[in-house]
Amino acid sequence: MKGNLVDARGRSCPEPVLLTKKAIEASPDGVKVLVDNATARENIKRFAKNSGYNVEVVENDEGILLTLSR
């Protein structure tokens, strides 16, 4: 993975999912997505799994980092 990062903090759904979809179309090996709420986390996890990606979730002071990989 090239480490492409989508910063979707402060955005309401469905925008984080749409940004994630656009990012994986440009970088199909995987992306990292930073969000700041549980709804976005769950929606991106569902989208990623339905699209065939593995999802790793790490929460820290900056937000929730989801790493999508094949």
PDB file of N, CA and C in Angstrom:
ATOM      1  N   MET A   1       0.845  -1.188   0.000  1.00  0.00           N
ATOM      2  CA  MET A   1       0.000   0.000   0.000  1.00  0.00           C
ATOM      3  C   MET A   1       0.880   1.237   0.000  1.00  0.00           C
ATOM      4  N   LYS A   2       0.450   2.251  -0.701  1.00  0.00           N
ATOM      5  CA  LYS A   2       1.236   3.464  -0.833  1.00  0.00           C
ATOM      6  C   LYS A   2       1.015   4.437   0.310  1.00  0.00           C
ATOM      7  N   GLY A   3       0.076   4.156   1.199  1.00  0.00           N
ATOM      8  CA  GLY A   3      -0.142   5.027   2.342  1.00  0.00           C
ATOM      9  C   GLY A   3      -1.012   6.235   2.038  1.00  0.00           C
ATOM     10  N   ASN A   4      -1.863   6.143   1.034  1.00  0.00           N
ATOM     11  CA  ASN A   4      -2.774   7.240   0.729  1.00  0.00           C
ATOM     12  C   ASN A   4      -3.699   7.459   1.917  1.00  0.00           C
ATOM     13  N   LEU A   5      -3.799   8.715   2.351  1.00  0.00           N
ATOM     14  CA  LEU A   5      -4.608   9.038   3.523  1.00  0.00           C
ATOM     15  C   LEU A   5      -5.766   9.932   3.122  1.00  0.00           C
ATOM     16  N   VAL A   6      -6.977   9.515   3.525  1.00  0.00           N
ATOM     17  CA  VAL A   6      -8.172  10.321   3.329  1.00  0.00           C
ATOM     18  C   VAL A   6      -8.533  10.888   4.693  1.00  0.00           C
ATOM     19  N   ASP A   7      -8.534  12.203   4.825  1.00  0.00           N
ATOM     20  CA  ASP A   7      -8.923  12.842   6.087  1.00  0.00           C
ATOM     21  C   ASP A   7     -10.388  13.239   5.963  1.00  0.00           C
ATOM     22  N   ALA A   8     -11.249  12.426   6.573  1.00  0.00           N
ATOM     23  CA  ALA A   8     -12.689  12.676   6.487  1.00  0.00           C
ATOM     24  C   ALA A   8     -13.249  13.161   7.821  1.00  0.00           C
ATOM     25  N   ARG A   9     -12.381  13.657   8.695  1.00  0.00           N
ATOM     26  CA  ARG A   9     -12.853  14.190   9.970  1.00  0.00           C
ATOM     27  C   ARG A   9     -13.720  15.418   9.731  1.00  0.00           C
ATOM     28  N   GLY A  10     -14.773  15.532  10.518  1.00  0.00           N
ATOM     29  CA  GLY A  10     -15.656  16.677  10.413  1.00  0.00           C
ATOM     30  C   GLY A  10     -16.662  16.591   9.285  1.00  0.00           C
ATOM     31  N   ARG A  11     -16.674  15.495   8.579  1.00  0.00           N
ATOM     32  CA  ARG A  11     -17.619  15.329   7.470  1.00  0.00           C
ATOM     33  C   ARG A  11     -18.711  14.354   7.881  1.00  0.00           C
ATOM     34  N   SER A  12     -19.924  14.633   7.412  1.00  0.00           N
ATOM     35  CA  SER A  12     -21.033  13.759   7.773  1.00  0.00           C
ATOM     36  C   SER A  12     -21.322  12.782   6.642  1.00  0.00           C
ATOM     37  N   CYS A  13     -21.863  11.630   7.012  1.00  0.00           N
ATOM     38  CA  CYS A  13     -22.171  10.598   6.022  1.00  0.00           C
ATOM     39  C   CYS A  13     -23.222  11.111   5.057  1.00  0.00           C
ATOM     40  N   PRO A  14     -23.113  10.706   3.808  1.00  0.00           N
ATOM     41  CA  PRO A  14     -22.262   9.644   3.278  1.00  0.00           C
ATOM     42  C   PRO A  14     -20.899  10.115   2.772  1.00  0.00           C
ATOM     43  N   GLU A  15     -20.518  11.362   3.028  1.00  0.00           N
ATOM     44  CA  GLU A  15     -19.290  11.894   2.436  1.00  0.00           C
ATOM     45  C   GLU A  15     -18.032  11.073   2.749  1.00  0.00           C
ATOM     46  N   PRO A  16     -17.798  10.621   3.994  1.00  0.00           N
ATOM     47  CA  PRO A  16     -16.598   9.803   4.237  1.00  0.00           C
ATOM     48  C   PRO A  16     -16.557   8.532   3.383  1.00  0.00           C
ATOM     49  N   VAL A  17     -17.700   7.901   3.189  1.00  0.00           N
ATOM     50  CA  VAL A  17     -17.738   6.691   2.357  1.00  0.00           C
ATOM     51  C   VAL A  17     -17.465   7.041   0.899  1.00  0.00           C
ATOM     52  N   LEU A  18     -18.027   8.128   0.418  1.00  0.00           N
ATOM     53  CA  LEU A  18     -17.792   8.533  -0.970  1.00  0.00           C
ATOM     54  C   LEU A  18     -16.324   8.892  -1.198  1.00  0.00           C
ATOM     55  N   LEU A  19     -15.699   9.564  -0.227  1.00  0.00           N
ATOM     56  CA  LEU A  19     -14.279   9.895  -0.337  1.00  0.00           C
ATOM     57  C   LEU A  19     -13.434   8.621  -0.331  1.00  0.00           C
ATOM     58  N   THR A  20     -13.831   7.653   0.497  1.00  0.00           N
ATOM     59  CA  THR A  20     -13.115   6.379   0.559  1.00  0.00           C
ATOM     60  C   THR A  20     -13.239   5.635  -0.763  1.00  0.00           C
ATOM     61  N   LYS A  21     -14.442   5.613  -1.320  1.00  0.00           N
ATOM     62  CA  LYS A  21     -14.672   4.936  -2.600  1.00  0.00           C
ATOM     63  C   LYS A  21     -13.803   5.541  -3.691  1.00  0.00           C
ATOM     64  N   LYS A  22     -13.753   6.866  -3.748  1.00  0.00           N
ATOM     65  CA  LYS A  22     -12.938   7.553  -4.756  1.00  0.00           C
ATOM     66  C   LYS A  22     -11.455   7.230  -4.555  1.00  0.00           C
ATOM     67  N   ALA A  23     -11.013   7.171  -3.292  1.00  0.00           N
ATOM     68  CA  ALA A  23      -9.601   6.900  -3.003  1.00  0.00           C
ATOM     69  C   ALA A  23      -9.197   5.489  -3.412  1.00  0.00           C
ATOM     70  N   ILE A  24     -10.080   4.497  -3.156  1.00  0.00           N
ATOM     71  CA  ILE A  24      -9.689   3.131  -3.528  1.00  0.00           C
ATOM     72  C   ILE A  24      -9.802   2.900  -5.030  1.00  0.00           C
ATOM     73  N   GLU A  25     -10.615   3.694  -5.711  1.00  0.00           N
ATOM     74  CA  GLU A  25     -10.628   3.609  -7.175  1.00  0.00           C
ATOM     75  C   GLU A  25      -9.293   4.091  -7.729  1.00  0.00           C
ATOM     76  N   ALA A  26      -8.704   5.098  -7.085  1.00  0.00           N
ATOM     77  CA  ALA A  26      -7.420   5.639  -7.532  1.00  0.00           C
ATOM     78  C   ALA A  26      -6.250   4.789  -7.039  1.00  0.00           C
ATOM     79  N   SER A  27      -6.441   4.102  -5.926  1.00  0.00           N
ATOM     80  CA  SER A  27      -5.365   3.312  -5.325  1.00  0.00           C
ATOM     81  C   SER A  27      -5.936   1.988  -4.822  1.00  0.00           C
ATOM     82  N   PRO A  28      -6.195   1.046  -5.751  1.00  0.00           N
ATOM     83  CA  PRO A  28      -6.917  -0.177  -5.392  1.00  0.00           C
ATOM     84  C   PRO A  28      -6.209  -1.104  -4.403  1.00  0.00           C
ATOM     85  N   ASP A  29      -4.904  -0.906  -4.172  1.00  0.00           N
ATOM     86  CA  ASP A  29      -4.212  -1.756  -3.205  1.00  0.00           C
ATOM     87  C   ASP A  29      -4.637  -1.451  -1.777  1.00  0.00           C
ATOM     88  N   GLY A  30      -5.112  -0.237  -1.538  1.00  0.00           N
ATOM     89  CA  GLY A  30      -5.564   0.116  -0.208  1.00  0.00           C
ATOM     90  C   GLY A  30      -5.339   1.569   0.130  1.00  0.00           C
ATOM     91  N   VAL A  31      -6.031   2.004   1.157  1.00  0.00           N
ATOM     92  CA  VAL A  31      -5.936   3.389   1.622  1.00  0.00           C
ATOM     93  C   VAL A  31      -6.092   3.416   3.137  1.00  0.00           C
ATOM     94  N   LYS A  32      -5.783   4.584   3.703  1.00  0.00           N
ATOM     95  CA  LYS A  32      -6.039   4.838   5.114  1.00  0.00           C
ATOM     96  C   LYS A  32      -7.056   5.960   5.184  1.00  0.00           C
ATOM     97  N   VAL A  33      -8.004   5.823   6.101  1.00  0.00           N
ATOM     98  CA  VAL A  33      -9.062   6.813   6.231  1.00  0.00           C
ATOM     99  C   VAL A  33      -9.127   7.251   7.681  1.00  0.00           C
ATOM    100  N   LEU A  34      -9.110   8.564   7.901  1.00  0.00           N
ATOM    101  CA  LEU A  34      -9.196   9.121   9.240  1.00  0.00           C
ATOM    102  C   LEU A  34     -10.564   9.757   9.419  1.00  0.00           C
ATOM    103  N   VAL A  35     -11.310   9.284  10.416  1.00  0.00           N
ATOM    104  CA  VAL A  35     -12.637   9.821  10.711  1.00  0.00           C
ATOM    105  C   VAL A  35     -12.705  10.182  12.196  1.00  0.00           C
ATOM    106  N   ASP A  36     -13.803  10.845  12.579  1.00  0.00           N
ATOM    107  CA  ASP A  36     -13.916  11.274  13.972  1.00  0.00           C
ATOM    108  C   ASP A  36     -15.227  10.869  14.635  1.00  0.00           C
ATOM    109  N   ASN A  37     -15.933   9.914  14.026  1.00  0.00           N
ATOM    110  CA  ASN A  37     -17.170   9.471  14.673  1.00  0.00           C
ATOM    111  C   ASN A  37     -17.467   8.006  14.344  1.00  0.00           C
ATOM    112  N   ALA A  38     -18.215   7.387  15.233  1.00  0.00           N
ATOM    113  CA  ALA A  38     -18.501   5.952  15.123  1.00  0.00           C
ATOM    114  C   ALA A  38     -19.348   5.617  13.904  1.00  0.00           C
ATOM    115  N   THR A  39     -20.253   6.506  13.519  1.00  0.00           N
ATOM    116  CA  THR A  39     -21.103   6.236  12.361  1.00  0.00           C
ATOM    117  C   THR A  39     -20.262   6.118  11.096  1.00  0.00           C
ATOM    118  N   ALA A  40     -19.347   7.062  10.897  1.00  0.00           N
ATOM    119  CA  ALA A  40     -18.473   7.003   9.726  1.00  0.00           C
ATOM    120  C   ALA A  40     -17.606   5.751   9.783  1.00  0.00           C
ATOM    121  N   ARG A  41     -17.083   5.420  10.968  1.00  0.00           N
ATOM    122  CA  ARG A  41     -16.259   4.216  11.117  1.00  0.00           C
ATOM    123  C   ARG A  41     -17.024   2.983  10.664  1.00  0.00           C
ATOM    124  N   GLU A  42     -18.239   2.812  11.154  1.00  0.00           N
ATOM    125  CA  GLU A  42     -19.019   1.619  10.821  1.00  0.00           C
ATOM    126  C   GLU A  42     -19.406   1.587   9.346  1.00  0.00           C
ATOM    127  N   ASN A  43     -19.782   2.730   8.787  1.00  0.00           N
ATOM    128  CA  ASN A  43     -20.171   2.772   7.379  1.00  0.00           C
ATOM    129  C   ASN A  43     -18.989   2.454   6.465  1.00  0.00           C
ATOM    130  N   ILE A  44     -17.809   2.966   6.797  1.00  0.00           N
ATOM    131  CA  ILE A  44     -16.623   2.688   5.980  1.00  0.00           C
ATOM    132  C   ILE A  44     -16.220   1.227   6.138  1.00  0.00           C
ATOM    133  N   LYS A  45     -16.297   0.687   7.349  1.00  0.00           N
ATOM    134  CA  LYS A  45     -15.980  -0.733   7.548  1.00  0.00           C
ATOM    135  C   LYS A  45     -16.894  -1.608   6.704  1.00  0.00           C
ATOM    136  N   ARG A  46     -18.179  -1.311   6.706  1.00  0.00           N
ATOM    137  CA  ARG A  46     -19.151  -2.098   5.935  1.00  0.00           C
ATOM    138  C   ARG A  46     -18.856  -1.984   4.443  1.00  0.00           C
ATOM    139  N   PHE A  47     -18.635  -0.759   3.975  1.00  0.00           N
ATOM    140  CA  PHE A  47     -18.317  -0.550   2.557  1.00  0.00           C
ATOM    141  C   PHE A  47     -17.051  -1.315   2.163  1.00  0.00           C
ATOM    142  N   ALA A  48     -16.018  -1.206   2.988  1.00  0.00           N
ATOM    143  CA  ALA A  48     -14.734  -1.843   2.675  1.00  0.00           C
ATOM    144  C   ALA A  48     -14.872  -3.356   2.614  1.00  0.00           C
ATOM    145  N   LYS A  49     -15.545  -3.939   3.586  1.00  0.00           N
ATOM    146  CA  LYS A  49     -15.701  -5.395   3.607  1.00  0.00           C
ATOM    147  C   LYS A  49     -16.525  -5.868   2.416  1.00  0.00           C
ATOM    148  N   ASN A  50     -17.563  -5.108   2.070  1.00  0.00           N
ATOM    149  CA  ASN A  50     -18.373  -5.467   0.910  1.00  0.00           C
ATOM    150  C   ASN A  50     -17.589  -5.323  -0.393  1.00  0.00           C
ATOM    151  N   SER A  51     -16.527  -4.517  -0.366  1.00  0.00           N
ATOM    152  CA  SER A  51     -15.693  -4.308  -1.556  1.00  0.00           C
ATOM    153  C   SER A  51     -14.467  -5.222  -1.570  1.00  0.00           C
ATOM    154  N   GLY A  52     -14.378  -6.130  -0.597  1.00  0.00           N
ATOM    155  CA  GLY A  52     -13.293  -7.100  -0.588  1.00  0.00           C
ATOM    156  C   GLY A  52     -12.023  -6.660   0.121  1.00  0.00           C
ATOM    157  N   TYR A  53     -12.115  -5.667   0.994  1.00  0.00           N
ATOM    158  CA  TYR A  53     -10.942  -5.176   1.718  1.00  0.00           C
ATOM    159  C   TYR A  53     -10.945  -5.668   3.162  1.00  0.00           C
ATOM    160  N   ASN A  54      -9.743  -5.872   3.682  1.00  0.00           N
ATOM    161  CA  ASN A  54      -9.565  -6.106   5.113  1.00  0.00           C
ATOM    162  C   ASN A  54      -9.503  -4.737   5.768  1.00  0.00           C
ATOM    163  N   VAL A  55     -10.007  -4.637   7.000  1.00  0.00           N
ATOM    164  CA  VAL A  55     -10.037  -3.352   7.686  1.00  0.00           C
ATOM    165  C   VAL A  55      -9.394  -3.492   9.060  1.00  0.00           C
ATOM    166  N   GLU A  56      -8.432  -2.618   9.320  1.00  0.00           N
ATOM    167  CA  GLU A  56      -7.821  -2.527  10.640  1.00  0.00           C
ATOM    168  C   GLU A  56      -8.203  -1.166  11.214  1.00  0.00           C
ATOM    169  N   VAL A  57      -8.660  -1.149  12.472  1.00  0.00           N
ATOM    170  CA  VAL A  57      -9.120   0.083  13.094  1.00  0.00           C
ATOM    171  C   VAL A  57      -8.237   0.407  14.293  1.00  0.00           C
ATOM    172  N   VAL A  58      -7.734   1.640  14.329  1.00  0.00           N
ATOM    173  CA  VAL A  58      -6.956   2.123  15.468  1.00  0.00           C
ATOM    174  C   VAL A  58      -7.536   3.466  15.885  1.00  0.00           C
ATOM    175  N   GLU A  59      -7.879   3.585  17.172  1.00  0.00           N
ATOM    176  CA  GLU A  59      -8.402   4.848  17.682  1.00  0.00           C
ATOM    177  C   GLU A  59      -7.341   5.519  18.531  1.00  0.00           C
ATOM    178  N   ASN A  60      -7.160   6.836  18.307  1.00  0.00           N
ATOM    179  CA  ASN A  60      -6.210   7.599  19.110  1.00  0.00           C
ATOM    180  C   ASN A  60      -6.726   9.021  19.282  1.00  0.00           C
ATOM    181  N   ASP A  61      -5.886   9.909  19.792  1.00  0.00           N
ATOM    182  CA  ASP A  61      -6.309  11.283  20.059  1.00  0.00           C
ATOM    183  C   ASP A  61      -6.700  12.050  18.800  1.00  0.00           C
ATOM    184  N   GLU A  62      -6.147  11.646  17.652  1.00  0.00           N
ATOM    185  CA  GLU A  62      -6.440  12.362  16.415  1.00  0.00           C
ATOM    186  C   GLU A  62      -7.724  11.898  15.756  1.00  0.00           C
ATOM    187  N   GLY A  63      -8.238  10.739  16.153  1.00  0.00           N
ATOM    188  CA  GLY A  63      -9.462  10.224  15.561  1.00  0.00           C
ATOM    189  C   GLY A  63      -9.410   8.720  15.424  1.00  0.00           C
ATOM    190  N   ILE A  64     -10.153   8.228  14.469  1.00  0.00           N
ATOM    191  CA  ILE A  64     -10.243   6.794  14.202  1.00  0.00           C
ATOM    192  C   ILE A  64      -9.595   6.551  12.843  1.00  0.00           C
ATOM    193  N   LEU A  65      -8.525   5.767  12.841  1.00  0.00           N
ATOM    194  CA  LEU A  65      -7.804   5.467  11.598  1.00  0.00           C
ATOM    195  C   LEU A  65      -8.183   4.085  11.117  1.00  0.00           C
ATOM    196  N   LEU A  66      -8.744   4.022   9.922  1.00  0.00           N
ATOM    197  CA  LEU A  66      -9.087   2.755   9.297  1.00  0.00           C
ATOM    198  C   LEU A  66      -8.093   2.490   8.177  1.00  0.00           C
ATOM    199  N   THR A  67      -7.460   1.332   8.217  1.00  0.00           N
ATOM    200  CA  THR A  67      -6.528   0.943   7.166  1.00  0.00           C
ATOM    201  C   THR A  67      -7.186  -0.145   6.340  1.00  0.00           C
ATOM    202  N   LEU A  68      -7.420   0.141   5.072  1.00  0.00           N
ATOM    203  CA  LEU A  68      -8.051  -0.806   4.155  1.00  0.00           C
ATOM    204  C   LEU A  68      -6.966  -1.427   3.296  1.00  0.00           C
ATOM    205  N   SER A  69      -6.951  -2.746   3.252  1.00  0.00           N
ATOM    206  CA  SER A  69      -5.950  -3.429   2.437  1.00  0.00           C
ATOM    207  C   SER A  69      -6.551  -4.692   1.839  1.00  0.00           C
ATOM    208  N   ARG A  70      -5.925  -5.173   0.776  1.00  0.00           N
ATOM    209  CA  ARG A  70      -6.386  -6.401   0.102  1.00  0.00           C
ATOM    210  C   ARG A  70      -5.630  -7.577   0.645  1.00  0.00           C
TER     211      ARG A  70
END
